[in-house]
Amino acid sequence: MKLEWMAWTLPTAIFFTAIMLILLGMTLWQLASPTIERRGFLPIVTTRGDRLFIGLLSGAYIHLAWLGLTSYPLWWATVIMGVWMVIVMRWG
């Protein structure tokens, strides 16, 4: 299968592989231990899946803001996103 038109680079492949593994892990976690809705610092009642989605979506905005507002390397935004994901998943 030719995937040149998709511009698959190593970082792109790593990104999508990581998302796939996260979704697989969350699915297995849900099967092993069904989630309970709870309320954290987010203004809505959420499940683990909700918090994952909110964290990934806000992580995309962190990266976009980083690209638009700074000239520093992008991996710093990835570090910030990782910290944000831990905060949202744990206390969100």
PDB file of N, CA and C in Angstrom:
ATOM      1  N   MET A   1       0.850  -1.169   0.000  1.00  0.00           N
ATOM      2  CA  MET A   1       0.000   0.000   0.000  1.00  0.00           C
ATOM      3  C   MET A   1       0.898   1.236   0.000  1.00  0.00           C
ATOM      4  N   LYS A   2       0.607   2.175  -0.868  1.00  0.00           N
ATOM      5  CA  LYS A   2       1.407   3.395  -0.961  1.00  0.00           C
ATOM      6  C   LYS A   2       0.793   4.477  -0.093  1.00  0.00           C
ATOM      7  N   LEU A   3       1.583   4.982   0.840  1.00  0.00           N
ATOM      8  CA  LEU A   3       1.098   6.005   1.767  1.00  0.00           C
ATOM      9  C   LEU A   3       1.848   7.313   1.624  1.00  0.00           C
ATOM     10  N   GLU A   4       2.566   7.503   0.526  1.00  0.00           N
ATOM     11  CA  GLU A   4       3.330   8.735   0.354  1.00  0.00           C
ATOM     12  C   GLU A   4       2.448   9.975   0.366  1.00  0.00           C
ATOM     13  N   TRP A   5       1.227   9.860  -0.158  1.00  0.00           N
ATOM     14  CA  TRP A   5       0.335  11.007  -0.227  1.00  0.00           C
ATOM     15  C   TRP A   5      -0.073  11.488   1.160  1.00  0.00           C
ATOM     16  N   MET A   6       0.100  10.659   2.187  1.00  0.00           N
ATOM     17  CA  MET A   6      -0.292  11.039   3.539  1.00  0.00           C
ATOM     18  C   MET A   6       0.846  11.705   4.309  1.00  0.00           C
ATOM     19  N   ALA A   7       2.028  11.777   3.708  1.00  0.00           N
ATOM     20  CA  ALA A   7       3.195  12.381   4.352  1.00  0.00           C
ATOM     21  C   ALA A   7       3.502  11.729   5.700  1.00  0.00           C
ATOM     22  N   TRP A   8       3.542  10.408   5.713  1.00  0.00           N
ATOM     23  CA  TRP A   8       3.861   9.688   6.936  1.00  0.00           C
ATOM     24  C   TRP A   8       5.340   9.864   7.256  1.00  0.00           C
ATOM     25  N   THR A   9       5.602  10.623   8.285  1.00  0.00           N
ATOM     26  CA  THR A   9       6.959  10.771   8.781  1.00  0.00           C
ATOM     27  C   THR A   9       7.045   9.983  10.083  1.00  0.00           C
ATOM     28  N   LEU A  10       8.231   9.824  10.598  1.00  0.00           N
ATOM     29  CA  LEU A  10       8.387   9.085  11.845  1.00  0.00           C
ATOM     30  C   LEU A  10       7.601   9.734  12.992  1.00  0.00           C
ATOM     31  N   PRO A  11       7.670  11.063  13.186  1.00  0.00           N
ATOM     32  CA  PRO A  11       6.871  11.662  14.257  1.00  0.00           C
ATOM     33  C   PRO A  11       5.360  11.441  14.074  1.00  0.00           C
ATOM     34  N   THR A  12       4.889  11.487  12.825  1.00  0.00           N
ATOM     35  CA  THR A  12       3.470  11.253  12.568  1.00  0.00           C
ATOM     36  C   THR A  12       3.096   9.822  12.929  1.00  0.00           C
ATOM     37  N   ALA A  13       3.909   8.879  12.536  1.00  0.00           N
ATOM     38  CA  ALA A  13       3.654   7.470  12.842  1.00  0.00           C
ATOM     39  C   ALA A  13       3.674   7.233  14.350  1.00  0.00           C
ATOM     40  N   ILE A  14       4.626   7.842  15.044  1.00  0.00           N
ATOM     41  CA  ILE A  14       4.709   7.694  16.504  1.00  0.00           C
ATOM     42  C   ILE A  14       3.464   8.283  17.157  1.00  0.00           C
ATOM     43  N   PHE A  15       3.028   9.446  16.689  1.00  0.00           N
ATOM     44  CA  PHE A  15       1.850  10.097  17.251  1.00  0.00           C
ATOM     45  C   PHE A  15       0.614   9.212  17.128  1.00  0.00           C
ATOM     46  N   PHE A  16       0.336   8.742  15.920  1.00  0.00           N
ATOM     47  CA  PHE A  16      -0.869   7.941  15.723  1.00  0.00           C
ATOM     48  C   PHE A  16      -0.771   6.577  16.401  1.00  0.00           C
ATOM     49  N   THR A  17       0.421   6.011  16.485  1.00  0.00           N
ATOM     50  CA  THR A  17       0.608   4.758  17.216  1.00  0.00           C
ATOM     51  C   THR A  17       0.350   4.971  18.704  1.00  0.00           C
ATOM     52  N   ALA A  18       0.831   6.081  19.240  1.00  0.00           N
ATOM     53  CA  ALA A  18       0.603   6.385  20.654  1.00  0.00           C
ATOM     54  C   ALA A  18      -0.887   6.564  20.949  1.00  0.00           C
ATOM     55  N   ILE A  19      -1.598   7.283  20.081  1.00  0.00           N
ATOM     56  CA  ILE A  19      -3.040   7.465  20.283  1.00  0.00           C
ATOM     57  C   ILE A  19      -3.748   6.119  20.234  1.00  0.00           C
ATOM     58  N   MET A  20      -3.376   5.271  19.279  1.00  0.00           N
ATOM     59  CA  MET A  20      -3.984   3.948  19.174  1.00  0.00           C
ATOM     60  C   MET A  20      -3.735   3.123  20.437  1.00  0.00           C
ATOM     61  N   LEU A  21      -2.506   3.157  20.953  1.00  0.00           N
ATOM     62  CA  LEU A  21      -2.185   2.401  22.163  1.00  0.00           C
ATOM     63  C   LEU A  21      -2.926   2.955  23.384  1.00  0.00           C
ATOM     64  N   ILE A  22      -3.072   4.273  23.451  1.00  0.00           N
ATOM     65  CA  ILE A  22      -3.829   4.876  24.548  1.00  0.00           C
ATOM     66  C   ILE A  22      -5.277   4.424  24.501  1.00  0.00           C
ATOM     67  N   LEU A  23      -5.885   4.446  23.324  1.00  0.00           N
ATOM     68  CA  LEU A  23      -7.280   4.011  23.189  1.00  0.00           C
ATOM     69  C   LEU A  23      -7.435   2.529  23.508  1.00  0.00           C
ATOM     70  N   LEU A  24      -6.492   1.713  23.080  1.00  0.00           N
ATOM     71  CA  LEU A  24      -6.528   0.287  23.405  1.00  0.00           C
ATOM     72  C   LEU A  24      -6.407   0.081  24.916  1.00  0.00           C
ATOM     73  N   GLY A  25      -5.476   0.793  25.537  1.00  0.00           N
ATOM     74  CA  GLY A  25      -5.306   0.695  26.985  1.00  0.00           C
ATOM     75  C   GLY A  25      -6.538   1.152  27.748  1.00  0.00           C
ATOM     76  N   MET A  26      -7.146   2.242  27.295  1.00  0.00           N
ATOM     77  CA  MET A  26      -8.366   2.728  27.955  1.00  0.00           C
ATOM     78  C   MET A  26      -9.513   1.735  27.791  1.00  0.00           C
ATOM     79  N   THR A  27      -9.602   1.081  26.628  1.00  0.00           N
ATOM     80  CA  THR A  27     -10.639   0.075  26.406  1.00  0.00           C
ATOM     81  C   THR A  27     -10.448  -1.106  27.344  1.00  0.00           C
ATOM     82  N   LEU A  28      -9.219  -1.591  27.448  1.00  0.00           N
ATOM     83  CA  LEU A  28      -8.945  -2.707  28.355  1.00  0.00           C
ATOM     84  C   LEU A  28      -9.203  -2.325  29.809  1.00  0.00           C
ATOM     85  N   TRP A  29      -8.841  -1.113  30.187  1.00  0.00           N
ATOM     86  CA  TRP A  29      -9.085  -0.623  31.542  1.00  0.00           C
ATOM     87  C   TRP A  29     -10.581  -0.559  31.819  1.00  0.00           C
ATOM     88  N   GLN A  30     -11.359  -0.095  30.846  1.00  0.00           N
ATOM     89  CA  GLN A  30     -12.805  -0.015  30.997  1.00  0.00           C
ATOM     90  C   GLN A  30     -13.414  -1.409  31.161  1.00  0.00           C
ATOM     91  N   LEU A  31     -12.911  -2.375  30.410  1.00  0.00           N
ATOM     92  CA  LEU A  31     -13.420  -3.737  30.529  1.00  0.00           C
ATOM     93  C   LEU A  31     -13.066  -4.350  31.876  1.00  0.00           C
ATOM     94  N   ALA A  32     -11.871  -4.072  32.366  1.00  0.00           N
ATOM     95  CA  ALA A  32     -11.422  -4.625  33.644  1.00  0.00           C
ATOM     96  C   ALA A  32     -12.065  -3.925  34.830  1.00  0.00           C
ATOM     97  N   SER A  33     -12.264  -2.618  34.717  1.00  0.00           N
ATOM     98  CA  SER A  33     -12.798  -1.823  35.822  1.00  0.00           C
ATOM     99  C   SER A  33     -13.694  -0.724  35.256  1.00  0.00           C
ATOM    100  N   PRO A  34     -14.998  -0.991  35.164  1.00  0.00           N
ATOM    101  CA  PRO A  34     -15.901   0.030  34.607  1.00  0.00           C
ATOM    102  C   PRO A  34     -15.776   1.357  35.344  1.00  0.00           C
ATOM    103  N   THR A  35     -15.842   2.430  34.580  1.00  0.00           N
ATOM    104  CA  THR A  35     -15.652   3.764  35.127  1.00  0.00           C
ATOM    105  C   THR A  35     -16.877   4.243  35.887  1.00  0.00           C
ATOM    106  N   ILE A  36     -16.639   5.134  36.819  1.00  0.00           N
ATOM    107  CA  ILE A  36     -17.708   5.769  37.594  1.00  0.00           C
ATOM    108  C   ILE A  36     -17.632   7.262  37.278  1.00  0.00           C
ATOM    109  N   GLU A  37     -18.768   7.844  36.956  1.00  0.00           N
ATOM    110  CA  GLU A  37     -18.778   9.282  36.692  1.00  0.00           C
ATOM    111  C   GLU A  37     -18.436  10.032  37.970  1.00  0.00           C
ATOM    112  N   ARG A  38     -17.623  11.069  37.829  1.00  0.00           N
ATOM    113  CA  ARG A  38     -17.261  11.881  38.994  1.00  0.00           C
ATOM    114  C   ARG A  38     -17.051  13.322  38.571  1.00  0.00           C
ATOM    115  N   ARG A  39     -16.989  14.172  39.563  1.00  0.00           N
ATOM    116  CA  ARG A  39     -16.791  15.593  39.313  1.00  0.00           C
ATOM    117  C   ARG A  39     -15.478  16.016  39.970  1.00  0.00           C
ATOM    118  N   GLY A  40     -14.586  16.564  39.158  1.00  0.00           N
ATOM    119  CA  GLY A  40     -13.320  17.083  39.648  1.00  0.00           C
ATOM    120  C   GLY A  40     -13.305  18.587  39.460  1.00  0.00           C
ATOM    121  N   PHE A  41     -12.164  19.127  39.028  1.00  0.00           N
ATOM    122  CA  PHE A  41     -12.094  20.572  38.823  1.00  0.00           C
ATOM    123  C   PHE A  41     -12.757  21.006  37.522  1.00  0.00           C
ATOM    124  N   LEU A  42     -13.014  20.061  36.611  1.00  0.00           N
ATOM    125  CA  LEU A  42     -13.744  20.410  35.388  1.00  0.00           C
ATOM    126  C   LEU A  42     -15.197  20.702  35.757  1.00  0.00           C
ATOM    127  N   PRO A  43     -15.852  21.620  35.062  1.00  0.00           N
ATOM    128  CA  PRO A  43     -17.205  22.039  35.461  1.00  0.00           C
ATOM    129  C   PRO A  43     -18.309  21.062  35.045  1.00  0.00           C
ATOM    130  N   ILE A  44     -17.942  19.829  34.699  1.00  0.00           N
ATOM    131  CA  ILE A  44     -18.933  18.831  34.311  1.00  0.00           C
ATOM    132  C   ILE A  44     -18.606  17.503  34.968  1.00  0.00           C
ATOM    133  N   VAL A  45     -19.575  16.626  35.035  1.00  0.00           N
ATOM    134  CA  VAL A  45     -19.348  15.266  35.510  1.00  0.00           C
ATOM    135  C   VAL A  45     -18.729  14.490  34.355  1.00  0.00           C
ATOM    136  N   THR A  46     -17.622  13.787  34.616  1.00  0.00           N
ATOM    137  CA  THR A  46     -16.889  13.118  33.543  1.00  0.00           C
ATOM    138  C   THR A  46     -16.561  11.677  33.893  1.00  0.00           C
ATOM    139  N   THR A  47     -16.298  10.904  32.843  1.00  0.00           N
ATOM    140  CA  THR A  47     -15.750   9.560  32.979  1.00  0.00           C
ATOM    141  C   THR A  47     -14.294   9.608  32.543  1.00  0.00           C
ATOM    142  N   ARG A  48     -13.594   8.485  32.675  1.00  0.00           N
ATOM    143  CA  ARG A  48     -12.198   8.432  32.215  1.00  0.00           C
ATOM    144  C   ARG A  48     -12.087   8.775  30.741  1.00  0.00           C
ATOM    145  N   GLY A  49     -12.993   8.242  29.940  1.00  0.00           N
ATOM    146  CA  GLY A  49     -12.968   8.511  28.498  1.00  0.00           C
ATOM    147  C   GLY A  49     -13.199   9.980  28.188  1.00  0.00           C
ATOM    148  N   ASP A  50     -14.121  10.604  28.934  1.00  0.00           N
ATOM    149  CA  ASP A  50     -14.366  12.043  28.748  1.00  0.00           C
ATOM    150  C   ASP A  50     -13.105  12.841  29.044  1.00  0.00           C
ATOM    151  N   ARG A  51     -12.449  12.493  30.146  1.00  0.00           N
ATOM    152  CA  ARG A  51     -11.240  13.220  30.526  1.00  0.00           C
ATOM    153  C   ARG A  51     -10.112  12.991  29.528  1.00  0.00           C
ATOM    154  N   LEU A  52     -10.023  11.780  28.966  1.00  0.00           N
ATOM    155  CA  LEU A  52      -9.030  11.520  27.932  1.00  0.00           C
ATOM    156  C   LEU A  52      -9.302  12.395  26.715  1.00  0.00           C
ATOM    157  N   PHE A  53     -10.547  12.447  26.276  1.00  0.00           N
ATOM    158  CA  PHE A  53     -10.897  13.262  25.114  1.00  0.00           C
ATOM    159  C   PHE A  53     -10.607  14.738  25.377  1.00  0.00           C
ATOM    160  N   ILE A  54     -11.005  15.237  26.538  1.00  0.00           N
ATOM    161  CA  ILE A  54     -10.757  16.642  26.885  1.00  0.00           C
ATOM    162  C   ILE A  54      -9.255  16.913  26.928  1.00  0.00           C
ATOM    163  N   GLY A  55      -8.491  16.006  27.499  1.00  0.00           N
ATOM    164  CA  GLY A  55      -7.044  16.179  27.570  1.00  0.00           C
ATOM    165  C   GLY A  55      -6.384  16.171  26.205  1.00  0.00           C
ATOM    166  N   LEU A  56      -6.792  15.251  25.331  1.00  0.00           N
ATOM    167  CA  LEU A  56      -6.212  15.202  23.985  1.00  0.00           C
ATOM    168  C   LEU A  56      -6.592  16.429  23.164  1.00  0.00           C
ATOM    169  N   LEU A  57      -7.846  16.844  23.269  1.00  0.00           N
ATOM    170  CA  LEU A  57      -8.286  18.017  22.523  1.00  0.00           C
ATOM    171  C   LEU A  57      -7.562  19.275  23.003  1.00  0.00           C
ATOM    172  N   SER A  58      -7.473  19.445  24.315  1.00  0.00           N
ATOM    173  CA  SER A  58      -6.767  20.621  24.829  1.00  0.00           C
ATOM    174  C   SER A  58      -5.268  20.527  24.526  1.00  0.00           C
ATOM    175  N   GLY A  59      -4.738  19.310  24.456  1.00  0.00           N
ATOM    176  CA  GLY A  59      -3.339  19.132  24.066  1.00  0.00           C
ATOM    177  C   GLY A  59      -3.080  19.595  22.641  1.00  0.00           C
ATOM    178  N   ALA A  60      -4.051  19.362  21.761  1.00  0.00           N
ATOM    179  CA  ALA A  60      -3.922  19.856  20.386  1.00  0.00           C
ATOM    180  C   ALA A  60      -3.888  21.380  20.388  1.00  0.00           C
ATOM    181  N   TYR A  61      -4.731  22.007  21.201  1.00  0.00           N
ATOM    182  CA  TYR A  61      -4.730  23.468  21.285  1.00  0.00           C
ATOM    183  C   TYR A  61      -3.434  23.991  21.905  1.00  0.00           C
ATOM    184  N   ILE A  62      -2.877  23.271  22.855  1.00  0.00           N
ATOM    185  CA  ILE A  62      -1.586  23.657  23.431  1.00  0.00           C
ATOM    186  C   ILE A  62      -0.521  23.678  22.331  1.00  0.00           C
ATOM    187  N   HIS A  63      -0.500  22.640  21.501  1.00  0.00           N
ATOM    188  CA  HIS A  63       0.480  22.581  20.416  1.00  0.00           C
ATOM    189  C   HIS A  63       0.256  23.682  19.383  1.00  0.00           C
ATOM    190  N   LEU A  64      -1.005  23.928  19.031  1.00  0.00           N
ATOM    191  CA  LEU A  64      -1.282  24.999  18.064  1.00  0.00           C
ATOM    192  C   LEU A  64      -0.878  26.362  18.606  1.00  0.00           C
ATOM    193  N   ALA A  65      -1.187  26.619  19.867  1.00  0.00           N
ATOM    194  CA  ALA A  65      -0.799  27.887  20.479  1.00  0.00           C
ATOM    195  C   ALA A  65       0.725  28.002  20.534  1.00  0.00           C
ATOM    196  N   TRP A  66       1.382  26.919  20.861  1.00  0.00           N
ATOM    197  CA  TRP A  66       2.845  26.917  20.922  1.00  0.00           C
ATOM    198  C   TRP A  66       3.440  27.272  19.566  1.00  0.00           C
ATOM    199  N   LEU A  67       2.909  26.635  18.518  1.00  0.00           N
ATOM    200  CA  LEU A  67       3.419  26.920  17.171  1.00  0.00           C
ATOM    201  C   LEU A  67       3.164  28.367  16.759  1.00  0.00           C
ATOM    202  N   GLY A  68       2.018  28.913  17.165  1.00  0.00           N
ATOM    203  CA  GLY A  68       1.666  30.259  16.757  1.00  0.00           C
ATOM    204  C   GLY A  68       2.300  31.356  17.575  1.00  0.00           C
ATOM    205  N   LEU A  69       2.651  31.061  18.819  1.00  0.00           N
ATOM    206  CA  LEU A  69       3.090  32.121  19.721  1.00  0.00           C
ATOM    207  C   LEU A  69       4.568  32.078  20.091  1.00  0.00           C
ATOM    208  N   THR A  70       5.238  30.952  19.844  1.00  0.00           N
ATOM    209  CA  THR A  70       6.648  30.868  20.239  1.00  0.00           C
ATOM    210  C   THR A  70       7.494  30.367  19.078  1.00  0.00           C
ATOM    211  N   SER A  71       8.787  30.467  19.259  1.00  0.00           N
ATOM    212  CA  SER A  71       9.719  29.905  18.274  1.00  0.00           C
ATOM    213  C   SER A  71      10.571  28.807  18.922  1.00  0.00           C
ATOM    214  N   TYR A  72      10.182  28.384  20.117  1.00  0.00           N
ATOM    215  CA  TYR A  72      10.903  27.327  20.818  1.00  0.00           C
ATOM    216  C   TYR A  72      10.580  25.973  20.215  1.00  0.00           C
ATOM    217  N   PRO A  73      11.404  24.951  20.486  1.00  0.00           N
ATOM    218  CA  PRO A  73      11.141  23.620  19.926  1.00  0.00           C
ATOM    219  C   PRO A  73       9.778  23.070  20.377  1.00  0.00           C
ATOM    220  N   LEU A  74       9.156  22.323  19.487  1.00  0.00           N
ATOM    221  CA  LEU A  74       7.804  21.807  19.736  1.00  0.00           C
ATOM    222  C   LEU A  74       7.760  20.781  20.853  1.00  0.00           C
ATOM    223  N   TRP A  75       8.861  20.128  21.142  1.00  0.00           N
ATOM    224  CA  TRP A  75       8.815  19.103  22.182  1.00  0.00           C
ATOM    225  C   TRP A  75       8.504  19.693  23.553  1.00  0.00           C
ATOM    226  N   TRP A  76       8.758  21.000  23.746  1.00  0.00           N
ATOM    227  CA  TRP A  76       8.371  21.634  25.009  1.00  0.00           C
ATOM    228  C   TRP A  76       6.851  21.626  25.163  1.00  0.00           C
ATOM    229  N   ALA A  77       6.149  21.857  24.068  1.00  0.00           N
ATOM    230  CA  ALA A  77       4.687  21.802  24.102  1.00  0.00           C
ATOM    231  C   ALA A  77       4.222  20.386  24.424  1.00  0.00           C
ATOM    232  N   THR A  78       4.945  19.396  23.944  1.00  0.00           N
ATOM    233  CA  THR A  78       4.597  18.010  24.232  1.00  0.00           C
ATOM    234  C   THR A  78       4.780  17.706  25.716  1.00  0.00           C
ATOM    235  N   VAL A  79       5.827  18.251  26.312  1.00  0.00           N
ATOM    236  CA  VAL A  79       6.041  18.075  27.755  1.00  0.00           C
ATOM    237  C   VAL A  79       4.903  18.737  28.536  1.00  0.00           C
ATOM    238  N   ILE A  80       4.550  19.957  28.148  1.00  0.00           N
ATOM    239  CA  ILE A  80       3.444  20.666  28.811  1.00  0.00           C
ATOM    240  C   ILE A  80       2.149  19.879  28.652  1.00  0.00           C
ATOM    241  N   MET A  81       1.911  19.339  27.459  1.00  0.00           N
ATOM    242  CA  MET A  81       0.705  18.548  27.231  1.00  0.00           C
ATOM    243  C   MET A  81       0.700  17.293  28.100  1.00  0.00           C
ATOM    244  N   GLY A  82       1.844  16.648  28.242  1.00  0.00           N
ATOM    245  CA  GLY A  82       1.920  15.454  29.095  1.00  0.00           C
ATOM    246  C   GLY A  82       1.566  15.766  30.537  1.00  0.00           C
ATOM    247  N   VAL A  83       2.086  16.873  31.042  1.00  0.00           N
ATOM    248  CA  VAL A  83       1.754  17.289  32.411  1.00  0.00           C
ATOM    249  C   VAL A  83       0.260  17.605  32.521  1.00  0.00           C
ATOM    250  N   TRP A  84      -0.277  18.333  31.518  1.00  0.00           N
ATOM    251  CA  TRP A  84      -1.697  18.672  31.509  1.00  0.00           C
ATOM    252  C   TRP A  84      -2.566  17.404  31.474  1.00  0.00           C
ATOM    253  N   MET A  85      -2.165  16.410  30.675  1.00  0.00           N
ATOM    254  CA  MET A  85      -2.929  15.159  30.597  1.00  0.00           C
ATOM    255  C   MET A  85      -2.973  14.452  31.943  1.00  0.00           C
ATOM    256  N   VAL A  86      -1.847  14.431  32.640  1.00  0.00           N
ATOM    257  CA  VAL A  86      -1.821  13.801  33.971  1.00  0.00           C
ATOM    258  C   VAL A  86      -2.768  14.532  34.915  1.00  0.00           C
ATOM    259  N   ILE A  87      -2.744  15.869  34.885  1.00  0.00           N
ATOM    260  CA  ILE A  87      -3.618  16.664  35.746  1.00  0.00           C
ATOM    261  C   ILE A  87      -5.085  16.405  35.431  1.00  0.00           C
ATOM    262  N   VAL A  88      -5.437  16.423  34.157  1.00  0.00           N
ATOM    263  CA  VAL A  88      -6.835  16.217  33.762  1.00  0.00           C
ATOM    264  C   VAL A  88      -7.289  14.806  34.098  1.00  0.00           C
ATOM    265  N   MET A  89      -6.476  13.808  33.810  1.00  0.00           N
ATOM    266  CA  MET A  89      -6.874  12.422  34.060  1.00  0.00           C
ATOM    267  C   MET A  89      -6.987  12.138  35.559  1.00  0.00           C
ATOM    268  N   ARG A  90      -6.138  12.745  36.355  1.00  0.00           N
ATOM    269  CA  ARG A  90      -6.150  12.470  37.797  1.00  0.00           C
ATOM    270  C   ARG A  90      -7.173  13.293  38.549  1.00  0.00           C
ATOM    271  N   TRP A  91      -7.187  14.605  38.310  1.00  0.00           N
ATOM    272  CA  TRP A  91      -8.029  15.492  39.128  1.00  0.00           C
ATOM    273  C   TRP A  91      -9.159  16.163  38.358  1.00  0.00           C
ATOM    274  N   GLY A  92      -9.259  15.914  37.037  1.00  0.00           N
ATOM    275  CA  GLY A  92     -10.293  16.552  36.235  1.00  0.00           C
ATOM    276  C   GLY A  92     -11.616  15.949  36.501  1.00  0.00           C
TER     277      GLY A  92
END
